[in-house]
C-alpha atoms as a PDB file:
ATOM      1  CA  UNK A   1      -1.498  12.206  -8.886  1.00  0.00           C
ATOM      2  CA  UNK A   2       1.831  14.027  -8.508  1.00  0.00           C
ATOM      3  CA  UNK A   3       5.059  12.178  -9.094  1.00  0.00           C
ATOM      4  CA  UNK A   4       7.672  12.312  -6.362  1.00  0.00           C
ATOM      5  CA  UNK A   5      11.196  12.734  -7.793  1.00  0.00           C
ATOM      6  CA  UNK A   6      12.785  10.836  -4.906  1.00  0.00           C
ATOM      7  CA  UNK A   7      10.797   7.639  -5.549  1.00  0.00           C
ATOM      8  CA  UNK A   8      11.081   7.318  -9.311  1.00  0.00           C
ATOM      9  CA  UNK A   9      13.754   8.050 -11.885  1.00  0.00           C
ATOM     10  CA  UNK A  10      13.174  10.062 -15.063  1.00  0.00           C
ATOM     11  CA  UNK A  11      11.747   7.007 -16.857  1.00  0.00           C
ATOM     12  CA  UNK A  12       9.176   6.354 -14.129  1.00  0.00           C
ATOM     13  CA  UNK A  13      11.053   3.329 -12.786  1.00  0.00           C
ATOM     14  CA  UNK A  14      10.903   2.853  -9.023  1.00  0.00           C
ATOM     15  CA  UNK A  15      14.249   3.410  -7.307  1.00  0.00           C
ATOM     16  CA  UNK A  16      15.323   0.474  -5.114  1.00  0.00           C
ATOM     17  CA  UNK A  17      17.009   2.133  -2.118  1.00  0.00           C
ATOM     18  CA  UNK A  18      17.635  -0.192   0.811  1.00  0.00           C
ATOM     19  CA  UNK A  19      19.212   2.567   2.902  1.00  0.00           C
ATOM     20  CA  UNK A  20      16.348   5.061   3.150  1.00  0.00           C
ATOM     21  CA  UNK A  21      12.583   5.090   3.306  1.00  0.00           C
ATOM     22  CA  UNK A  22      10.836   6.983   0.563  1.00  0.00           C
ATOM     23  CA  UNK A  23       7.269   7.849  -0.351  1.00  0.00           C
ATOM     24  CA  UNK A  24       5.059   5.198  -1.894  1.00  0.00           C
ATOM     25  CA  UNK A  25       5.769   5.481  -5.647  1.00  0.00           C
ATOM     26  CA  UNK A  26       2.961   7.153  -7.542  1.00  0.00           C
ATOM     27  CA  UNK A  27       2.812   4.179  -9.928  1.00  0.00           C
ATOM     28  CA  UNK A  28       1.821   1.888  -7.041  1.00  0.00           C
ATOM     29  CA  UNK A  29      -0.860   4.089  -5.518  1.00  0.00           C
ATOM     30  CA  UNK A  30      -3.843   3.155  -7.721  1.00  0.00           C
ATOM     31  CA  UNK A  31      -3.162  -0.550  -7.134  1.00  0.00           C
ATOM     32  CA  UNK A  32      -2.823  -0.135  -3.369  1.00  0.00           C
ATOM     33  CA  UNK A  33      -6.007   1.954  -3.322  1.00  0.00           C
ATOM     34  CA  UNK A  34      -7.827  -0.804  -5.245  1.00  0.00           C
ATOM     35  CA  UNK A  35      -6.632  -3.425  -2.747  1.00  0.00           C
ATOM     36  CA  UNK A  36      -7.871  -1.332   0.191  1.00  0.00           C
ATOM     37  CA  UNK A  37     -11.181  -0.752  -1.613  1.00  0.00           C
ATOM     38  CA  UNK A  38     -11.554  -4.535  -2.035  1.00  0.00           C
ATOM     39  CA  UNK A  39     -10.878  -5.074   1.680  1.00  0.00           C
ATOM     40  CA  UNK A  40     -13.461  -2.395   2.533  1.00  0.00           C
ATOM     41  CA  UNK A  41     -15.963  -4.483   0.519  1.00  0.00           C
ATOM     42  CA  UNK A  42     -14.776  -7.551   2.494  1.00  0.00           C
ATOM     43  CA  UNK A  43     -13.241  -9.077  -0.637  1.00  0.00           C
ATOM     44  CA  UNK A  44     -10.164 -10.273   1.265  1.00  0.00           C
ATOM     45  CA  UNK A  45      -9.217 -12.732  -1.463  1.00  0.00           C
ATOM     46  CA  UNK A  46      -9.266 -10.012  -4.146  1.00  0.00           C
ATOM     47  CA  UNK A  47     -11.631 -12.224  -6.111  1.00  0.00           C
ATOM     48  CA  UNK A  48     -13.323  -9.340  -7.953  1.00  0.00           C
ATOM     49  CA  UNK A  49     -10.053  -8.755  -9.794  1.00  0.00           C
ATOM     50  CA  UNK A  50      -7.439  -6.020  -9.774  1.00  0.00           C
ATOM     51  CA  UNK A  51      -5.278  -5.698 -12.902  1.00  0.00           C
ATOM     52  CA  UNK A  52      -1.740  -6.852 -12.134  1.00  0.00           C
ATOM     53  CA  UNK A  53      -2.676  -8.415  -8.781  1.00  0.00           C
ATOM     54  CA  UNK A  54      -3.249 -12.128  -8.301  1.00  0.00           C
ATOM     55  CA  UNK A  55      -6.155 -13.285  -6.148  1.00  0.00           C
ATOM     56  CA  UNK A  56      -5.050 -14.410  -2.695  1.00  0.00           C
ATOM     57  CA  UNK A  57      -5.231 -18.000  -1.496  1.00  0.00           C
ATOM     58  CA  UNK A  58      -8.289 -18.759   0.629  1.00  0.00           C
ATOM     59  CA  UNK A  59      -6.164 -19.276   3.759  1.00  0.00           C
ATOM     60  CA  UNK A  60      -4.492 -15.854   3.331  1.00  0.00           C
ATOM     61  CA  UNK A  61      -7.855 -14.170   2.754  1.00  0.00           C
ATOM     62  CA  UNK A  62      -9.209 -15.820   5.904  1.00  0.00           C
ATOM     63  CA  UNK A  63      -6.192 -14.613   7.925  1.00  0.00           C
ATOM     64  CA  UNK A  64      -6.661 -11.043   6.702  1.00  0.00           C
ATOM     65  CA  UNK A  65     -10.360 -11.150   7.615  1.00  0.00           C
ATOM     66  CA  UNK A  66      -9.572 -12.551  11.063  1.00  0.00           C
ATOM     67  CA  UNK A  67      -6.862  -9.945  11.733  1.00  0.00           C
ATOM     68  CA  UNK A  68      -9.216  -7.126  10.797  1.00  0.00           C
ATOM     69  CA  UNK A  69     -12.055  -8.561  12.905  1.00  0.00           C
ATOM     70  CA  UNK A  70      -9.732  -9.085  15.905  1.00  0.00           C
ATOM     71  CA  UNK A  71      -8.422  -5.544  15.629  1.00  0.00           C
ATOM     72  CA  UNK A  72     -11.995  -4.313  15.859  1.00  0.00           C
ATOM     73  CA  UNK A  73     -11.783  -1.416  13.409  1.00  0.00           C
ATOM     74  CA  UNK A  74     -13.943  -0.690  10.400  1.00  0.00           C
ATOM     75  CA  UNK A  75     -11.983  -0.252   7.201  1.00  0.00           C
ATOM     76  CA  UNK A  76     -12.663   2.813   5.087  1.00  0.00           C
ATOM     77  CA  UNK A  77     -11.462   3.762   1.609  1.00  0.00           C
ATOM     78  CA  UNK A  78      -7.911   5.078   1.609  1.00  0.00           C
ATOM     79  CA  UNK A  79      -7.996   8.885   1.961  1.00  0.00           C
ATOM     80  CA  UNK A  80      -5.809  10.806  -0.502  1.00  0.00           C
ATOM     81  CA  UNK A  81      -3.935  12.413   2.406  1.00  0.00           C
ATOM     82  CA  UNK A  82      -2.686   8.951   3.437  1.00  0.00           C
ATOM     83  CA  UNK A  83       0.141   9.274   0.939  1.00  0.00           C
ATOM     84  CA  UNK A  84       1.678  12.144   2.931  1.00  0.00           C
ATOM     85  CA  UNK A  85       2.610   9.732   5.745  1.00  0.00           C
ATOM     86  CA  UNK A  86       3.082   6.488   3.783  1.00  0.00           C
ATOM     87  CA  UNK A  87       6.561   5.170   3.109  1.00  0.00           C
ATOM     88  CA  UNK A  88       8.328   2.173   1.623  1.00  0.00           C
ATOM     89  CA  UNK A  89      11.819   0.737   1.660  1.00  0.00           C
ATOM     90  CA  UNK A  90      13.438  -1.989  -0.386  1.00  0.00           C
ATOM     91  CA  UNK A  91      14.515  -4.982   1.654  1.00  0.00           C
ATOM     92  CA  UNK A  92      16.662  -7.797   0.262  1.00  0.00           C
ATOM     93  CA  UNK A  93      13.952  -9.506  -1.769  1.00  0.00           C
ATOM     94  CA  UNK A  94      10.796  -7.493  -1.136  1.00  0.00           C
ATOM     95  CA  UNK A  95       9.360  -4.087  -0.344  1.00  0.00           C
ATOM     96  CA  UNK A  96       8.128  -3.035   3.094  1.00  0.00           C
ATOM     97  CA  UNK A  97       5.461  -0.360   3.122  1.00  0.00           C
ATOM     98  CA  UNK A  98       3.745   1.374   5.978  1.00  0.00           C
ATOM     99  CA  UNK A  99       3.159   4.622   7.739  1.00  0.00           C
ATOM    100  CA  UNK A 100       5.944   6.857   8.917  1.00  0.00           C
ATOM    101  CA  UNK A 101       5.469   8.637  12.213  1.00  0.00           C
ATOM    102  CA  UNK A 102       7.733  11.430  10.971  1.00  0.00           C
ATOM    103  CA  UNK A 103       6.163  12.145   7.586  1.00  0.00           C
ATOM    104  CA  UNK A 104       3.015  14.144   7.188  1.00  0.00           C
ATOM    105  CA  UNK A 105       3.150  15.711  10.637  1.00  0.00           C
ATOM    106  CA  UNK A 106       1.765  19.168  10.999  1.00  0.00           C
ATOM    107  CA  UNK A 107       3.509  21.785  13.080  1.00  0.00           C
END
């Protein structure tokens, strides 16, 4: 997985920039992919275990399941090309991550 110079410094540490969105750091991608894979398997509580990620409380897992069911879509494993349009930004005490409508567009 390529490293993006704008999301990590030379030591591999994630840069906390609250002014600009940046790509999802390469260090986070395997963990996020594992979380999506668990949700695809309907393990909304992450009970099968992901290194470095705590299982979710039953109420949170139930909410995630309900949101997905209400939305009506079928989850699939995260395609590698997802990273081209995924972004994050540091907020005061947490990170927001999502999809940018500007990144990854084709001309």
